[in-house]
Each structure stands twice: as C-alpha cells, then as structure tokens.
Amino acid sequence: MIFGFNTDVKHGETVYHVQSEAHPNTHTLQSTVFVQGRCLGKTSSSYADQVALPDFSEAKMHDLLKEQHRKVLEAIREGRVESVISSVAI
C-alpha cells in the first residue's frame, strides 16, 4: 500500500499544494510542492536504513512520511519553502 498526504497551505497571497507519498519499492519518501499546478520543487528522504530494524512497519513508514510532510508545511508557513525543497528545472 502507498501512503500519501495532500495539503493546501497559504503563505501571504500564495497557496501552495504539498503532495507527499511513500515509495516502498525504493524505500523513499517524497514531498512535492506546487503552486497553481506548477511544480516548484521536491524533497526526498530514504528510510532504507530503518527497514531492517525489528520494529519497522508500514505504520512507522507512515509516521516518517507524516513528519516529513509536516516539516514542509511548517517551512511554507514560515516563508522558507526554499530551505526544504530542491528546485525543479523547467
């Protein structure tokens, strides 16, 4: 099962859409930030080092994704979206 979150968050007059999803096959969590349908950038993290731990589960993966999503939303609210995403070439 692939977990994901989609949230709209406003900073100033700009509404950002944040889409976060887990990619279990590659042990990667990815959050992508959009404005008016245009991708501004994304951030990815690996949880591969945690998969072998005895207490690792889909619930743990879900919690890691939720935390990453929350950090991106927080950065946007604080006006520092550039600090958490890598720009996407147009």
C-alpha atoms as a PDB file:
ATOM      1  CA  MET A   1       0.000   0.000   0.000  1.00  0.00           C
ATOM      2  CA  ILE A   2       1.252   3.507  -0.826  1.00  0.00           C
ATOM      3  CA  PHE A   3       0.581   6.157   1.781  1.00  0.00           C
ATOM      4  CA  GLY A   4       0.218   9.807   0.918  1.00  0.00           C
ATOM      5  CA  PHE A   5      -0.855  13.239   2.041  1.00  0.00           C
ATOM      6  CA  ASN A   6      -2.160  16.238   0.087  1.00  0.00           C
ATOM      7  CA  THR A   7      -2.454  19.611   1.777  1.00  0.00           C
ATOM      8  CA  ASP A   8      -3.019  23.186   0.627  1.00  0.00           C
ATOM      9  CA  VAL A   9      -1.287  25.835   2.730  1.00  0.00           C
ATOM     10  CA  LYS A  10      -1.254  29.591   2.257  1.00  0.00           C
ATOM     11  CA  HIS A  11       1.654  31.946   2.833  1.00  0.00           C
ATOM     12  CA  GLY A  12       0.986  35.575   2.012  1.00  0.00           C
ATOM     13  CA  GLU A  13      -1.185  35.567  -1.082  1.00  0.00           C
ATOM     14  CA  THR A  14       0.220  32.301  -2.428  1.00  0.00           C
ATOM     15  CA  VAL A  15      -1.484  28.935  -1.995  1.00  0.00           C
ATOM     16  CA  TYR A  16       0.936  26.023  -2.058  1.00  0.00           C
ATOM     17  CA  HIS A  17      -0.120  22.428  -2.606  1.00  0.00           C
ATOM     18  CA  VAL A  18       2.059  19.826  -0.911  1.00  0.00           C
ATOM     19  CA  GLN A  19       1.856  16.211  -2.027  1.00  0.00           C
ATOM     20  CA  SER A  20       3.795  13.624  -0.045  1.00  0.00           C
ATOM     21  CA  GLU A  21       3.995   9.924  -0.798  1.00  0.00           C
ATOM     22  CA  ALA A  22       5.942   6.844   0.166  1.00  0.00           C
ATOM     23  CA  HIS A  23       7.630   4.664  -2.429  1.00  0.00           C
ATOM     24  CA  PRO A  24       8.094   1.321  -0.643  1.00  0.00           C
ATOM     25  CA  ASN A  25       9.933  -0.328  -3.538  1.00  0.00           C
ATOM     26  CA  THR A  26      12.763   2.211  -3.276  1.00  0.00           C
ATOM     27  CA  HIS A  27      12.373   2.963   0.461  1.00  0.00           C
ATOM     28  CA  THR A  28      11.910   6.643  -0.363  1.00  0.00           C
ATOM     29  CA  LEU A  29       9.641   9.360   0.971  1.00  0.00           C
ATOM     30  CA  GLN A  30       8.955  12.242  -1.404  1.00  0.00           C
ATOM     31  CA  SER A  31       7.227  15.584  -0.898  1.00  0.00           C
ATOM     32  CA  THR A  32       6.487  17.798  -3.896  1.00  0.00           C
ATOM     33  CA  VAL A  33       5.408  21.450  -3.704  1.00  0.00           C
ATOM     34  CA  PHE A  34       3.147  23.008  -6.340  1.00  0.00           C
ATOM     35  CA  VAL A  35       1.755  26.499  -6.957  1.00  0.00           C
ATOM     36  CA  GLN A  36      -1.138  26.765  -9.404  1.00  0.00           C
ATOM     37  CA  GLY A  37      -0.301  23.307 -10.754  1.00  0.00           C
ATOM     38  CA  ARG A  38       3.359  24.162 -11.396  1.00  0.00           C
ATOM     39  CA  CYS A  39       5.947  22.105  -9.543  1.00  0.00           C
ATOM     40  CA  LEU A  40       8.284  24.344  -7.533  1.00  0.00           C
ATOM     41  CA  GLY A  41      10.437  21.556  -6.203  1.00  0.00           C
ATOM     42  CA  LYS A  42      10.614  18.494  -4.062  1.00  0.00           C
ATOM     43  CA  THR A  43      12.388  16.850  -1.196  1.00  0.00           C
ATOM     44  CA  SER A  44      13.125  13.167  -0.807  1.00  0.00           C
ATOM     45  CA  SER A  45      14.468  11.074   2.005  1.00  0.00           C
ATOM     46  CA  SER A  46      15.392   7.447   2.360  1.00  0.00           C
ATOM     47  CA  TYR A  47      14.227   5.171   5.124  1.00  0.00           C
ATOM     48  CA  ALA A  48      16.231   2.191   3.828  1.00  0.00           C
ATOM     49  CA  ASP A  49      18.391   2.141   6.959  1.00  0.00           C
ATOM     50  CA  GLN A  50      15.298   1.551   9.109  1.00  0.00           C
ATOM     51  CA  VAL A  51      13.681  -1.259   7.113  1.00  0.00           C
ATOM     52  CA  ALA A  52      15.849  -3.963   8.712  1.00  0.00           C
ATOM     53  CA  LEU A  53      15.055  -2.843  12.265  1.00  0.00           C
ATOM     54  CA  PRO A  54      12.880  -5.325  14.158  1.00  0.00           C
ATOM     55  CA  ASP A  55      10.192  -2.763  14.993  1.00  0.00           C
ATOM     56  CA  PHE A  56       9.877  -1.331  11.463  1.00  0.00           C
ATOM     57  CA  SER A  57       6.380  -1.479   9.978  1.00  0.00           C
ATOM     58  CA  GLU A  58       4.110   0.254   7.494  1.00  0.00           C
ATOM     59  CA  ALA A  59       2.832   2.312  10.426  1.00  0.00           C
ATOM     60  CA  LYS A  60       6.389   3.516  11.110  1.00  0.00           C
ATOM     61  CA  MET A  61       6.810   4.410   7.437  1.00  0.00           C
ATOM     62  CA  HIS A  62       3.526   6.321   7.631  1.00  0.00           C
ATOM     63  CA  ASP A  63       4.767   8.232  10.683  1.00  0.00           C
ATOM     64  CA  LEU A  64       8.033   9.146   8.927  1.00  0.00           C
ATOM     65  CA  LEU A  65       6.088  10.417   5.916  1.00  0.00           C
ATOM     66  CA  LYS A  66       3.707  12.388   8.125  1.00  0.00           C
ATOM     67  CA  GLU A  67       6.673  14.061   9.845  1.00  0.00           C
ATOM     68  CA  GLN A  68       8.326  14.965   6.521  1.00  0.00           C
ATOM     69  CA  HIS A  69       5.028  16.382   5.228  1.00  0.00           C
ATOM     70  CA  ARG A  70       4.588  18.406   8.431  1.00  0.00           C
ATOM     71  CA  LYS A  71       8.104  19.876   8.115  1.00  0.00           C
ATOM     72  CA  VAL A  72       7.437  21.026   4.547  1.00  0.00           C
ATOM     73  CA  LEU A  73       4.138  22.631   5.581  1.00  0.00           C
ATOM     74  CA  GLU A  74       5.843  24.356   8.509  1.00  0.00           C
ATOM     75  CA  ALA A  75       8.599  25.725   6.253  1.00  0.00           C
ATOM     76  CA  ILE A  76       5.990  27.155   3.867  1.00  0.00           C
ATOM     77  CA  ARG A  77       4.056  28.787   6.716  1.00  0.00           C
ATOM     78  CA  GLU A  78       7.308  30.371   7.914  1.00  0.00           C
ATOM     79  CA  GLY A  79       8.169  31.645   4.421  1.00  0.00           C
ATOM     80  CA  ARG A  80      11.180  29.407   3.936  1.00  0.00           C
ATOM     81  CA  VAL A  81       9.977  26.867   1.380  1.00  0.00           C
ATOM     82  CA  GLU A  82      13.314  27.123  -0.472  1.00  0.00           C
ATOM     83  CA  SER A  83      15.072  25.681   2.579  1.00  0.00           C
ATOM     84  CA  VAL A  84      13.278  22.346   2.287  1.00  0.00           C
ATOM     85  CA  ILE A  85      12.941  21.709  -1.445  1.00  0.00           C
ATOM     86  CA  SER A  86      15.255  21.308  -4.405  1.00  0.00           C
ATOM     87  CA  SER A  87      14.183  23.341  -7.416  1.00  0.00           C
ATOM     88  CA  VAL A  88      12.844  21.526 -10.429  1.00  0.00           C
ATOM     89  CA  ALA A  89      14.222  22.589 -13.809  1.00  0.00           C
ATOM     90  CA  ILE A  90      11.589  23.961 -16.148  1.00  0.00           C
END
